[in-house]
Structures are given as C-alpha cells and as structure tokens.
N, C-alpha and C. Protein backbone atom coordinates (compact mmCIF):
# COMPACT_ATOMS: atom_id res chain seq x y z
N UNK A 1 -9.48 5.95 -16.76
CA UNK A 1 -9.34 6.10 -15.31
C UNK A 1 -8.24 5.17 -14.79
N UNK A 2 -7.37 5.71 -13.96
CA UNK A 2 -6.31 4.94 -13.30
C UNK A 2 -6.73 4.77 -11.84
N UNK A 3 -6.59 3.56 -11.30
CA UNK A 3 -7.09 3.29 -9.96
C UNK A 3 -6.14 2.42 -9.14
N UNK A 4 -6.17 2.63 -7.83
CA UNK A 4 -5.56 1.71 -6.86
C UNK A 4 -6.59 1.48 -5.77
N UNK A 5 -6.86 0.22 -5.49
CA UNK A 5 -7.81 -0.13 -4.43
C UNK A 5 -7.05 -0.80 -3.30
N UNK A 6 -7.02 -0.14 -2.15
CA UNK A 6 -6.33 -0.66 -0.97
C UNK A 6 -7.37 -1.21 -0.01
N UNK A 7 -7.21 -2.47 0.39
CA UNK A 7 -8.18 -3.12 1.25
C UNK A 7 -7.52 -3.69 2.50
N UNK A 8 -7.89 -3.16 3.66
CA UNK A 8 -7.45 -3.65 4.97
C UNK A 8 -5.92 -3.76 5.07
N UNK A 9 -5.24 -2.73 4.61
CA UNK A 9 -3.77 -2.74 4.61
C UNK A 9 -3.24 -2.53 6.03
N UNK A 10 -2.25 -3.31 6.40
CA UNK A 10 -1.61 -3.16 7.70
C UNK A 10 -0.12 -3.46 7.61
N UNK A 11 0.65 -2.81 8.48
CA UNK A 11 2.09 -3.04 8.54
C UNK A 11 2.57 -2.75 9.95
N UNK A 12 3.32 -3.67 10.50
CA UNK A 12 3.90 -3.40 11.81
C UNK A 12 5.38 -3.75 11.81
N UNK A 13 6.13 -3.02 12.63
CA UNK A 13 7.54 -3.28 12.85
C UNK A 13 7.68 -3.76 14.29
N UNK A 14 8.12 -4.99 14.44
CA UNK A 14 8.14 -5.57 15.78
C UNK A 14 6.71 -5.81 16.24
N UNK A 15 6.37 -5.24 17.38
CA UNK A 15 5.01 -5.39 17.92
C UNK A 15 4.15 -4.16 17.68
N UNK A 16 4.72 -3.13 17.04
CA UNK A 16 3.99 -1.86 16.86
C UNK A 16 3.40 -1.76 15.46
N UNK A 17 2.10 -1.51 15.42
CA UNK A 17 1.43 -1.27 14.14
C UNK A 17 1.74 0.14 13.66
N UNK A 18 2.37 0.25 12.50
CA UNK A 18 2.64 1.56 11.90
C UNK A 18 1.40 2.03 11.13
N UNK A 19 0.79 1.11 10.41
CA UNK A 19 -0.45 1.36 9.69
C UNK A 19 -1.38 0.17 9.97
N UNK A 20 -2.66 0.46 10.21
CA UNK A 20 -3.60 -0.62 10.53
C UNK A 20 -4.96 -0.30 9.93
N UNK A 21 -5.58 -1.32 9.33
CA UNK A 21 -6.95 -1.20 8.81
C UNK A 21 -7.11 -0.04 7.83
N UNK A 22 -6.18 0.07 6.90
CA UNK A 22 -6.25 1.15 5.91
C UNK A 22 -7.02 0.69 4.68
N UNK A 23 -8.06 1.46 4.33
CA UNK A 23 -8.87 1.19 3.15
C UNK A 23 -9.04 2.48 2.36
N UNK A 24 -8.81 2.42 1.06
CA UNK A 24 -9.02 3.62 0.24
C UNK A 24 -9.06 3.23 -1.24
N UNK A 25 -9.85 3.98 -1.98
CA UNK A 25 -9.93 3.81 -3.44
C UNK A 25 -9.35 5.07 -4.07
N UNK A 26 -8.13 4.96 -4.58
CA UNK A 26 -7.45 6.08 -5.24
C UNK A 26 -7.84 6.10 -6.72
N UNK A 27 -8.06 7.30 -7.26
CA UNK A 27 -8.38 7.44 -8.67
C UNK A 27 -7.62 8.62 -9.26
N UNK A 28 -7.39 8.56 -10.56
CA UNK A 28 -6.58 9.58 -11.23
C UNK A 28 -7.26 10.94 -11.29
N UNK A 29 -8.58 11.00 -11.10
CA UNK A 29 -9.26 12.29 -11.12
C UNK A 29 -9.23 12.98 -9.76
N UNK A 30 -8.66 12.31 -8.74
CA UNK A 30 -8.58 12.90 -7.40
C UNK A 30 -7.17 12.71 -6.83
N UNK A 31 -6.22 13.55 -7.23
CA UNK A 31 -4.89 13.47 -6.64
C UNK A 31 -4.99 13.50 -5.11
N UNK A 32 -4.15 12.73 -4.45
CA UNK A 32 -4.30 12.54 -3.00
C UNK A 32 -3.01 12.85 -2.28
N UNK A 33 -3.14 13.46 -1.09
CA UNK A 33 -1.98 13.71 -0.25
C UNK A 33 -2.12 12.88 1.03
N UNK A 34 -1.00 12.29 1.45
CA UNK A 34 -0.91 11.59 2.72
C UNK A 34 -0.18 12.50 3.69
N UNK A 35 -0.87 12.90 4.74
CA UNK A 35 -0.34 13.87 5.69
C UNK A 35 0.04 13.19 7.01
N UNK A 36 0.96 13.80 7.72
CA UNK A 36 1.37 13.30 9.03
C UNK A 36 2.73 13.85 9.39
N UNK A 37 3.02 13.88 10.67
CA UNK A 37 4.31 14.36 11.13
C UNK A 37 5.39 13.31 10.95
N UNK A 38 6.59 13.65 11.36
CA UNK A 38 7.70 12.70 11.27
C UNK A 38 7.40 11.47 12.12
N UNK A 39 7.62 10.29 11.54
CA UNK A 39 7.39 9.06 12.28
C UNK A 39 5.95 8.61 12.33
N UNK A 40 5.08 9.27 11.58
CA UNK A 40 3.66 8.93 11.63
C UNK A 40 3.29 7.77 10.72
N UNK A 41 4.21 7.35 9.85
CA UNK A 41 3.96 6.22 8.97
C UNK A 41 3.57 6.58 7.56
N UNK A 42 3.62 7.86 7.22
CA UNK A 42 3.16 8.26 5.88
C UNK A 42 4.08 7.72 4.78
N UNK A 43 5.39 7.75 5.00
CA UNK A 43 6.31 7.21 3.99
C UNK A 43 6.16 5.70 3.88
N UNK A 44 5.94 5.05 5.00
CA UNK A 44 5.71 3.60 4.98
C UNK A 44 4.47 3.27 4.17
N UNK A 45 3.41 4.02 4.39
CA UNK A 45 2.17 3.79 3.64
C UNK A 45 2.39 4.01 2.15
N UNK A 46 3.11 5.07 1.79
CA UNK A 46 3.38 5.33 0.37
C UNK A 46 4.20 4.20 -0.24
N UNK A 47 5.18 3.71 0.49
CA UNK A 47 6.00 2.60 -0.02
C UNK A 47 5.15 1.36 -0.26
N UNK A 48 4.20 1.10 0.63
CA UNK A 48 3.33 -0.06 0.48
C UNK A 48 2.42 0.11 -0.73
N UNK A 49 1.80 1.28 -0.85
CA UNK A 49 0.88 1.52 -1.97
C UNK A 49 1.61 1.43 -3.31
N UNK A 50 2.87 1.84 -3.33
CA UNK A 50 3.65 1.84 -4.57
C UNK A 50 4.31 0.50 -4.86
N UNK A 51 4.08 -0.49 -3.97
CA UNK A 51 4.69 -1.81 -4.09
C UNK A 51 6.20 -1.79 -3.85
N UNK A 52 6.71 -0.70 -3.30
CA UNK A 52 8.12 -0.61 -2.92
C UNK A 52 8.39 -1.46 -1.68
N UNK A 53 7.35 -1.59 -0.83
CA UNK A 53 7.43 -2.38 0.40
C UNK A 53 6.20 -3.27 0.48
N UNK A 54 6.37 -4.46 1.01
CA UNK A 54 5.24 -5.38 1.12
C UNK A 54 4.45 -5.11 2.40
N UNK A 55 3.13 -5.11 2.29
CA UNK A 55 2.28 -4.95 3.46
C UNK A 55 2.31 -6.21 4.31
N UNK A 56 2.06 -6.05 5.62
CA UNK A 56 1.97 -7.20 6.48
C UNK A 56 0.66 -7.94 6.31
N UNK A 57 -0.36 -7.18 5.94
CA UNK A 57 -1.67 -7.77 5.68
C UNK A 57 -2.44 -6.86 4.71
N UNK A 58 -3.47 -7.44 4.11
CA UNK A 58 -4.31 -6.66 3.20
C UNK A 58 -4.01 -6.91 1.74
N UNK A 59 -4.71 -6.19 0.88
CA UNK A 59 -4.61 -6.41 -0.57
C UNK A 59 -4.59 -5.08 -1.31
N UNK A 60 -3.82 -5.05 -2.38
CA UNK A 60 -3.77 -3.89 -3.28
C UNK A 60 -4.09 -4.33 -4.69
N UNK A 61 -4.94 -3.55 -5.37
CA UNK A 61 -5.27 -3.81 -6.77
C UNK A 61 -4.95 -2.57 -7.59
N UNK A 62 -4.33 -2.76 -8.75
CA UNK A 62 -3.96 -1.67 -9.64
C UNK A 62 -4.71 -1.85 -10.95
N UNK A 63 -5.40 -0.80 -11.39
CA UNK A 63 -6.18 -0.89 -12.62
C UNK A 63 -5.87 0.29 -13.54
N UNK A 64 -5.69 -0.01 -14.81
CA UNK A 64 -5.51 1.02 -15.84
C UNK A 64 -6.64 0.85 -16.85
N UNK A 65 -7.55 1.80 -16.88
CA UNK A 65 -8.73 1.72 -17.74
C UNK A 65 -9.47 0.39 -17.56
N UNK A 66 -9.70 0.07 -16.29
CA UNK A 66 -10.46 -1.11 -15.85
C UNK A 66 -9.73 -2.44 -16.07
N UNK A 67 -8.50 -2.40 -16.53
CA UNK A 67 -7.72 -3.61 -16.71
C UNK A 67 -6.76 -3.77 -15.53
N UNK A 68 -6.85 -4.92 -14.84
CA UNK A 68 -6.00 -5.18 -13.70
C UNK A 68 -4.55 -5.41 -14.14
N UNK A 69 -3.63 -4.85 -13.34
CA UNK A 69 -2.21 -5.04 -13.58
C UNK A 69 -1.70 -6.12 -12.64
N UNK A 70 -1.01 -7.09 -13.16
CA UNK A 70 -0.47 -8.16 -12.34
C UNK A 70 0.57 -7.58 -11.37
N UNK A 71 0.56 -8.06 -10.12
CA UNK A 71 1.50 -7.52 -9.12
C UNK A 71 2.95 -7.52 -9.58
N UNK A 72 3.36 -8.56 -10.29
CA UNK A 72 4.75 -8.65 -10.74
C UNK A 72 5.11 -7.60 -11.78
N UNK A 73 4.11 -6.98 -12.39
CA UNK A 73 4.35 -6.00 -13.45
C UNK A 73 4.08 -4.56 -13.03
N UNK A 74 3.65 -4.38 -11.79
CA UNK A 74 3.26 -3.04 -11.33
C UNK A 74 4.41 -2.04 -11.47
N UNK A 75 5.64 -2.49 -11.18
CA UNK A 75 6.78 -1.57 -11.19
C UNK A 75 6.99 -0.89 -12.55
N UNK A 76 6.55 -1.52 -13.60
CA UNK A 76 6.71 -0.96 -14.93
C UNK A 76 5.87 0.30 -15.13
N UNK A 77 4.85 0.46 -14.32
CA UNK A 77 3.88 1.55 -14.49
C UNK A 77 4.02 2.64 -13.44
N UNK A 78 5.05 2.54 -12.62
CA UNK A 78 5.22 3.46 -11.48
C UNK A 78 6.45 4.34 -11.65
N UNK A 79 6.30 5.62 -11.31
CA UNK A 79 7.46 6.50 -11.14
C UNK A 79 7.40 7.08 -9.73
N UNK A 80 8.56 7.33 -9.15
CA UNK A 80 8.65 7.59 -7.71
C UNK A 80 9.81 8.54 -7.45
N UNK A 81 9.60 9.54 -6.61
CA UNK A 81 10.69 10.41 -6.17
C UNK A 81 10.58 10.60 -4.67
N UNK A 82 11.71 10.45 -3.99
CA UNK A 82 11.73 10.57 -2.53
C UNK A 82 13.15 10.88 -2.07
N UNK A 83 13.29 11.50 -0.89
CA UNK A 83 14.64 11.82 -0.39
C UNK A 83 15.52 10.60 -0.21
N UNK A 84 14.91 9.43 0.07
CA UNK A 84 15.70 8.22 0.34
C UNK A 84 16.02 7.43 -0.93
N UNK A 85 15.58 7.88 -2.09
CA UNK A 85 15.93 7.24 -3.36
C UNK A 85 17.04 8.05 -4.02
N UNK A 86 18.14 7.39 -4.29
CA UNK A 86 19.33 8.10 -4.74
C UNK A 86 19.51 8.07 -6.26
N UNK A 87 20.13 9.10 -6.77
CA UNK A 87 20.60 9.12 -8.15
C UNK A 87 21.96 8.44 -8.21
N UNK A 88 22.44 8.15 -9.41
CA UNK A 88 23.76 7.54 -9.55
C UNK A 88 24.80 8.66 -9.52
N UNK A 89 25.51 8.76 -8.42
CA UNK A 89 26.39 9.90 -8.14
C UNK A 89 27.54 10.03 -9.14
N UNK A 90 28.00 8.90 -9.68
CA UNK A 90 29.15 8.96 -10.59
C UNK A 90 28.74 9.37 -12.00
N UNK A 91 27.46 9.28 -12.31
CA UNK A 91 26.96 9.69 -13.62
C UNK A 91 26.80 11.21 -13.68
N UNK A 92 26.87 11.74 -14.88
CA UNK A 92 26.53 13.14 -15.08
C UNK A 92 25.01 13.27 -15.11
N UNK A 93 24.55 14.50 -15.16
CA UNK A 93 23.11 14.76 -15.22
C UNK A 93 22.49 14.11 -16.46
N UNK A 94 23.07 14.34 -17.61
CA UNK A 94 22.52 13.79 -18.85
C UNK A 94 22.63 12.27 -18.86
N UNK A 95 23.66 11.72 -18.26
CA UNK A 95 23.80 10.26 -18.20
C UNK A 95 22.71 9.63 -17.32
N UNK A 96 22.35 10.30 -16.24
CA UNK A 96 21.24 9.80 -15.41
C UNK A 96 19.94 9.78 -16.20
N UNK A 97 19.70 10.82 -16.97
CA UNK A 97 18.49 10.89 -17.80
C UNK A 97 18.50 9.77 -18.84
N UNK A 98 19.62 9.60 -19.51
CA UNK A 98 19.73 8.56 -20.54
C UNK A 98 19.60 7.16 -19.94
N UNK A 99 20.11 6.99 -18.73
CA UNK A 99 20.02 5.70 -18.06
C UNK A 99 18.56 5.33 -17.78
N UNK A 100 17.80 6.29 -17.24
CA UNK A 100 16.39 6.00 -16.96
C UNK A 100 15.64 5.70 -18.26
N UNK A 101 15.98 6.42 -19.31
CA UNK A 101 15.28 6.26 -20.58
C UNK A 101 15.40 4.84 -21.14
N UNK A 102 16.46 4.13 -20.76
CA UNK A 102 16.64 2.76 -21.22
C UNK A 102 15.59 1.83 -20.62
N UNK A 103 15.05 2.20 -19.46
CA UNK A 103 14.12 1.33 -18.76
C UNK A 103 12.67 1.84 -18.83
N UNK A 104 12.52 3.16 -18.82
CA UNK A 104 11.18 3.73 -18.88
C UNK A 104 11.20 4.94 -19.83
N UNK A 105 10.41 4.89 -20.89
CA UNK A 105 10.39 6.02 -21.82
C UNK A 105 9.77 7.26 -21.17
N UNK A 106 10.01 8.38 -21.79
CA UNK A 106 9.45 9.63 -21.29
C UNK A 106 8.16 9.98 -22.03
N UNK A 107 7.38 10.84 -21.43
CA UNK A 107 6.15 11.33 -22.05
C UNK A 107 6.44 11.98 -23.40
N UNK A 108 5.46 11.92 -24.27
CA UNK A 108 5.51 12.65 -25.55
C UNK A 108 6.73 12.32 -26.40
N UNK A 109 7.32 11.14 -26.15
CA UNK A 109 8.53 10.73 -26.88
C UNK A 109 9.65 11.76 -26.75
N UNK A 110 9.70 12.41 -25.59
CA UNK A 110 10.76 13.38 -25.35
C UNK A 110 12.13 12.70 -25.39
N UNK A 111 13.10 13.40 -25.93
CA UNK A 111 14.48 12.93 -25.94
C UNK A 111 15.15 13.30 -24.61
N UNK A 112 16.31 12.76 -24.39
CA UNK A 112 17.05 13.10 -23.17
C UNK A 112 17.37 14.59 -23.12
N UNK A 113 17.63 15.21 -24.27
CA UNK A 113 17.89 16.64 -24.28
C UNK A 113 16.64 17.46 -23.98
N UNK A 114 15.48 16.97 -24.43
CA UNK A 114 14.22 17.63 -24.07
C UNK A 114 14.03 17.60 -22.56
N UNK A 115 14.26 16.45 -21.96
CA UNK A 115 14.10 16.29 -20.51
C UNK A 115 15.07 17.20 -19.77
N UNK A 116 16.29 17.28 -20.28
CA UNK A 116 17.29 18.15 -19.66
C UNK A 116 16.82 19.60 -19.68
N UNK A 117 16.28 20.05 -20.80
CA UNK A 117 15.78 21.42 -20.90
C UNK A 117 14.64 21.67 -19.92
N UNK A 118 13.72 20.71 -19.82
CA UNK A 118 12.56 20.88 -18.93
C UNK A 118 12.96 20.86 -17.46
N UNK A 119 14.07 20.21 -17.16
CA UNK A 119 14.54 20.16 -15.77
C UNK A 119 15.11 21.49 -15.30
N UNK A 120 15.50 22.34 -16.26
CA UNK A 120 16.16 23.59 -15.90
C UNK A 120 17.62 23.40 -15.50
N UNK A 121 18.19 22.25 -15.86
CA UNK A 121 19.56 21.94 -15.46
C UNK A 121 20.52 21.84 -16.65
N UNK A 122 20.15 22.43 -17.75
CA UNK A 122 20.98 22.34 -18.96
C UNK A 122 22.40 22.83 -18.73
N UNK A 123 22.55 23.83 -17.88
CA UNK A 123 23.87 24.39 -17.61
C UNK A 123 24.78 23.41 -16.87
N UNK A 124 24.17 22.34 -16.33
CA UNK A 124 24.95 21.35 -15.57
C UNK A 124 24.87 19.97 -16.20
N UNK A 125 24.60 19.92 -17.50
CA UNK A 125 24.38 18.64 -18.18
C UNK A 125 25.53 17.66 -18.01
N UNK A 126 26.76 18.16 -18.02
CA UNK A 126 27.92 17.26 -18.00
C UNK A 126 28.61 17.21 -16.64
N UNK A 127 27.94 17.75 -15.62
CA UNK A 127 28.49 17.68 -14.27
C UNK A 127 28.04 16.38 -13.60
N UNK A 128 28.93 15.78 -12.83
CA UNK A 128 28.56 14.58 -12.09
C UNK A 128 27.58 14.94 -10.97
N UNK A 129 26.68 14.02 -10.68
CA UNK A 129 25.67 14.27 -9.66
C UNK A 129 26.30 14.52 -8.30
N UNK A 130 27.45 13.92 -8.05
CA UNK A 130 28.08 14.08 -6.73
C UNK A 130 28.48 15.52 -6.42
N UNK A 131 28.54 16.38 -7.44
CA UNK A 131 28.86 17.78 -7.18
C UNK A 131 27.60 18.66 -7.19
N UNK A 132 26.44 18.05 -7.41
CA UNK A 132 25.18 18.80 -7.40
C UNK A 132 24.82 19.20 -5.97
N UNK A 133 24.15 20.33 -5.83
CA UNK A 133 23.56 20.71 -4.55
C UNK A 133 22.35 19.81 -4.29
N UNK A 134 21.88 19.80 -3.05
CA UNK A 134 20.71 18.98 -2.72
C UNK A 134 19.47 19.43 -3.49
N UNK A 135 19.37 20.72 -3.73
CA UNK A 135 18.24 21.24 -4.50
C UNK A 135 18.27 20.81 -5.96
N UNK A 136 19.47 20.79 -6.55
CA UNK A 136 19.61 20.34 -7.94
C UNK A 136 19.29 18.86 -8.06
N UNK A 137 19.74 18.06 -7.09
CA UNK A 137 19.41 16.64 -7.10
C UNK A 137 17.90 16.42 -7.03
N UNK A 138 17.26 17.18 -6.15
CA UNK A 138 15.81 17.02 -6.02
C UNK A 138 15.08 17.43 -7.29
N UNK A 139 15.55 18.46 -7.93
CA UNK A 139 14.94 18.90 -9.19
C UNK A 139 15.05 17.79 -10.26
N UNK A 140 16.21 17.13 -10.32
CA UNK A 140 16.38 16.06 -11.29
C UNK A 140 15.51 14.85 -10.95
N UNK A 141 15.44 14.49 -9.66
CA UNK A 141 14.56 13.39 -9.25
C UNK A 141 13.11 13.65 -9.66
N UNK A 142 12.64 14.86 -9.41
CA UNK A 142 11.26 15.20 -9.75
C UNK A 142 11.05 15.17 -11.26
N UNK A 143 12.01 15.67 -12.01
CA UNK A 143 11.92 15.66 -13.47
C UNK A 143 11.76 14.23 -13.98
N UNK A 144 12.62 13.34 -13.51
CA UNK A 144 12.59 11.95 -13.97
C UNK A 144 11.27 11.27 -13.59
N UNK A 145 10.74 11.59 -12.43
CA UNK A 145 9.49 10.96 -11.99
C UNK A 145 8.29 11.52 -12.74
N UNK A 146 8.18 12.82 -12.82
CA UNK A 146 7.00 13.45 -13.42
C UNK A 146 6.93 13.19 -14.92
N UNK A 147 8.08 13.18 -15.59
CA UNK A 147 8.09 13.05 -17.04
C UNK A 147 8.21 11.60 -17.53
N UNK A 148 8.32 10.66 -16.62
CA UNK A 148 8.29 9.25 -17.03
C UNK A 148 6.91 8.92 -17.58
N UNK A 149 6.86 8.11 -18.61
CA UNK A 149 5.57 7.75 -19.21
C UNK A 149 4.94 6.62 -18.40
N UNK A 150 4.56 6.94 -17.17
CA UNK A 150 3.98 5.98 -16.23
C UNK A 150 2.68 6.56 -15.66
N UNK A 151 1.63 5.76 -15.51
CA UNK A 151 0.35 6.29 -15.04
C UNK A 151 0.27 6.53 -13.54
N UNK A 152 1.17 5.89 -12.76
CA UNK A 152 1.18 6.07 -11.31
C UNK A 152 2.37 6.92 -10.90
N UNK A 153 2.11 8.02 -10.19
CA UNK A 153 3.17 8.94 -9.76
C UNK A 153 3.13 9.09 -8.25
N UNK A 154 4.26 8.74 -7.59
CA UNK A 154 4.36 8.81 -6.13
C UNK A 154 5.48 9.78 -5.76
N UNK A 155 5.16 10.75 -4.91
CA UNK A 155 6.13 11.77 -4.52
C UNK A 155 6.15 11.90 -3.00
N UNK A 156 7.30 11.68 -2.40
CA UNK A 156 7.44 11.80 -0.95
C UNK A 156 8.22 13.07 -0.64
N UNK A 157 7.56 13.99 0.08
CA UNK A 157 8.15 15.29 0.43
C UNK A 157 8.85 15.91 -0.78
N UNK A 158 8.11 16.17 -1.85
CA UNK A 158 8.71 16.59 -3.12
C UNK A 158 9.44 17.93 -3.09
N UNK A 159 9.11 18.79 -2.15
CA UNK A 159 9.76 20.10 -2.14
C UNK A 159 10.96 20.17 -1.20
N UNK A 160 11.41 19.02 -0.72
CA UNK A 160 12.62 19.00 0.11
C UNK A 160 13.78 19.65 -0.63
N UNK A 161 14.40 20.64 0.01
CA UNK A 161 15.61 21.32 -0.52
C UNK A 161 15.34 22.23 -1.72
N UNK A 162 14.08 22.47 -2.06
CA UNK A 162 13.78 23.37 -3.18
C UNK A 162 13.59 24.80 -2.68
N UNK A 163 14.12 25.77 -3.44
CA UNK A 163 13.87 27.18 -3.12
C UNK A 163 12.54 27.61 -3.75
N UNK A 164 12.16 28.84 -3.53
CA UNK A 164 10.85 29.32 -3.98
C UNK A 164 10.68 29.20 -5.49
N UNK A 165 11.72 29.52 -6.24
CA UNK A 165 11.65 29.44 -7.70
C UNK A 165 11.45 27.99 -8.15
N UNK A 166 12.16 27.06 -7.50
CA UNK A 166 12.04 25.65 -7.86
C UNK A 166 10.68 25.09 -7.45
N UNK A 167 10.10 25.59 -6.37
CA UNK A 167 8.76 25.15 -5.97
C UNK A 167 7.74 25.56 -7.03
N UNK A 168 7.87 26.77 -7.54
CA UNK A 168 6.98 27.22 -8.63
C UNK A 168 7.14 26.31 -9.85
N UNK A 169 8.38 25.97 -10.17
CA UNK A 169 8.66 25.06 -11.30
C UNK A 169 7.99 23.70 -11.08
N UNK A 170 8.12 23.16 -9.86
CA UNK A 170 7.52 21.87 -9.52
C UNK A 170 6.00 21.88 -9.70
N UNK A 171 5.36 22.94 -9.20
CA UNK A 171 3.90 23.03 -9.33
C UNK A 171 3.47 23.12 -10.79
N UNK A 172 4.23 23.86 -11.59
CA UNK A 172 3.93 23.98 -13.02
C UNK A 172 4.12 22.63 -13.72
N UNK A 173 5.16 21.91 -13.37
CA UNK A 173 5.41 20.59 -13.97
C UNK A 173 4.27 19.63 -13.69
N UNK A 174 3.79 19.61 -12.45
CA UNK A 174 2.67 18.74 -12.10
C UNK A 174 1.43 19.09 -12.90
N UNK A 175 1.12 20.36 -12.96
CA UNK A 175 -0.09 20.79 -13.66
C UNK A 175 -0.02 20.51 -15.16
N UNK A 176 1.17 20.64 -15.73
CA UNK A 176 1.30 20.51 -17.18
C UNK A 176 1.51 19.07 -17.65
N UNK A 177 2.21 18.26 -16.84
CA UNK A 177 2.62 16.94 -17.33
C UNK A 177 2.06 15.75 -16.55
N UNK A 178 1.35 16.01 -15.45
CA UNK A 178 0.87 14.88 -14.64
C UNK A 178 -0.64 14.87 -14.47
N UNK A 179 -1.34 15.67 -15.22
CA UNK A 179 -2.79 15.80 -15.03
C UNK A 179 -3.55 14.51 -15.24
N UNK A 180 -3.03 13.62 -16.08
CA UNK A 180 -3.73 12.36 -16.38
C UNK A 180 -3.24 11.19 -15.50
N UNK A 181 -2.28 11.45 -14.64
CA UNK A 181 -1.72 10.38 -13.82
C UNK A 181 -2.50 10.23 -12.50
N UNK A 182 -2.34 9.08 -11.87
CA UNK A 182 -2.80 8.91 -10.50
C UNK A 182 -1.66 9.38 -9.60
N UNK A 183 -1.91 10.46 -8.86
CA UNK A 183 -0.87 11.10 -8.07
C UNK A 183 -1.13 10.92 -6.58
N UNK A 184 -0.10 10.44 -5.86
CA UNK A 184 -0.15 10.39 -4.40
C UNK A 184 1.11 11.06 -3.88
N UNK A 185 0.92 12.03 -2.98
CA UNK A 185 2.01 12.83 -2.44
C UNK A 185 2.05 12.68 -0.92
N UNK A 186 3.23 12.54 -0.34
CA UNK A 186 3.41 12.59 1.11
C UNK A 186 3.92 13.97 1.49
N UNK A 187 3.38 14.53 2.58
CA UNK A 187 3.82 15.86 2.98
C UNK A 187 3.68 16.06 4.49
N UNK A 188 4.57 16.88 5.03
CA UNK A 188 4.47 17.31 6.43
C UNK A 188 3.63 18.57 6.53
N UNK A 189 2.44 18.53 5.96
CA UNK A 189 1.48 19.64 6.02
C UNK A 189 2.03 20.92 5.36
N UNK A 190 2.85 20.76 4.31
CA UNK A 190 3.34 21.92 3.55
C UNK A 190 2.44 22.07 2.33
N UNK A 191 1.52 23.01 2.37
CA UNK A 191 0.46 23.07 1.37
C UNK A 191 1.00 23.24 -0.05
N UNK A 192 2.11 23.94 -0.20
CA UNK A 192 2.64 24.16 -1.55
C UNK A 192 3.12 22.86 -2.20
N UNK A 193 3.31 21.81 -1.40
CA UNK A 193 3.70 20.52 -1.97
C UNK A 193 2.51 19.81 -2.62
N UNK A 194 1.30 20.08 -2.14
CA UNK A 194 0.15 19.29 -2.57
C UNK A 194 -1.05 20.16 -2.99
N UNK A 195 -0.79 21.33 -3.54
CA UNK A 195 -1.87 22.20 -4.00
C UNK A 195 -2.78 21.51 -5.02
N UNK A 196 -2.20 20.58 -5.77
CA UNK A 196 -2.95 19.89 -6.82
C UNK A 196 -3.93 18.86 -6.25
N UNK A 197 -3.78 18.47 -4.99
CA UNK A 197 -4.53 17.35 -4.43
C UNK A 197 -5.97 17.71 -4.05
N UNK A 198 -6.86 16.77 -4.31
CA UNK A 198 -8.28 16.92 -4.01
C UNK A 198 -8.73 16.06 -2.83
N UNK A 199 -7.89 15.12 -2.42
CA UNK A 199 -8.18 14.25 -1.28
C UNK A 199 -7.04 14.30 -0.28
N UNK A 200 -7.38 14.10 1.01
CA UNK A 200 -6.38 14.05 2.05
C UNK A 200 -6.55 12.81 2.91
N UNK A 201 -5.43 12.22 3.29
CA UNK A 201 -5.41 11.09 4.21
C UNK A 201 -4.45 11.45 5.34
N UNK A 202 -4.87 11.24 6.58
CA UNK A 202 -4.00 11.47 7.72
C UNK A 202 -3.66 10.13 8.35
N UNK A 203 -2.38 9.80 8.40
CA UNK A 203 -1.97 8.49 8.89
C UNK A 203 -2.29 8.28 10.37
N UNK A 204 -2.51 9.37 11.12
CA UNK A 204 -2.84 9.22 12.54
C UNK A 204 -4.16 8.47 12.73
N UNK A 205 -4.98 8.43 11.69
CA UNK A 205 -6.29 7.76 11.79
C UNK A 205 -6.19 6.26 11.58
N UNK A 206 -5.00 5.77 11.26
CA UNK A 206 -4.86 4.33 10.94
C UNK A 206 -3.79 3.69 11.81
N UNK A 207 -3.92 3.87 13.10
CA UNK A 207 -2.99 3.28 14.07
C UNK A 207 -3.65 2.12 14.82
C-alpha cells in the first residue's frame, strides 16, 4: 500500500487563504481527483501534496508499504506532469527520454526506445521538442510521468491539448501501467481525465 497523510494543510498568498484546514488520507487503492474551477486552488493543493511547494501550515507523511519516506527524499519517488512543467526544448524527443532515465528509471526496465514506442512518437524521435505541437509535448510529458518507476503519480489537467485518439491512449496507459501507483489528478470537471479515480476532492470546501 502506498499512502500520503495530509493533516491540517493550509496555504495563503498575502492575506488570502487558498487552501485551509485540508485533511485527507490518500491510498494507492483509491485514485483521487482534485476538482475545481480556474483559480480554485487545485493546482496549489497538488503542488503542496507532491512536495513541489511548501505548505504554510500542516503536515504531510509519505509511506511506502508502511515505511515512512523522509521529506528530503520524497522527490525520488514522485513523477509529475503538468502544463506549467516544461520539457527541454533544445533536446530531441529521444534525448528527453534518455535524460530522464539518468535520474529516474522506467518501469519494467524499459529502454529509452521502449518508452519512445509506447509514447506513440517514434516518428518524431529525432525532432527537437521546440518544433512539437502542444499535443505532442503533452503526450511526451504523460509518457515520462506514467512510465517512471515511481510509486506516486501526480497529473495536473492531463488531457490539456490532447485530441480524442490521444485521450484514449492516456486512459489506456493509466490502466495498464499505473494501477499500483498512488494517483492524484487535478481536473476542471472533465470526466475523461479522471475515469480511473474512486475518490473526489473539491477545493471549494477548503477555503
């Protein structure tokens, strides 16, 4: 079992509380979606839970099979995809994959060429990311996050810029390669982004 325990989490910018008194026990058997409109604080909450951003108050605990992970080491166990996280534009597609592999191995000991095939971007292996469409970039971001050998998977608006065929691919990737992970997804109430989720959190309840 993979777990995150959030206790009395709060964050404010200036004098305004974006998130207040948030408590939740996340587990790998219950993928969770954080819902809310633009500006509701859902991305902020995801950043805090993923240790990407520090909370103003409260405590987070990360457990892998009942073993606590030290806060300084949490990043080693996390994979994350979001519109505001950029790929290296000067690298080619395959170079981006190889670069990530140096820091975080892939599931099933997949090679960079295996990852390229699973991304559906083999035809663009040697193209620089700066010439990719927004949909191709998002597909690569999702591939790198889902296939990283990390127990915690965080996805913010994962279907941004994806067409219908790519959305089907994304859903299949989650079902096939992320079933054992602790998954938290942020969404603007787009059900196809979080069909896999069994729990829902609405940030409007934590103001």
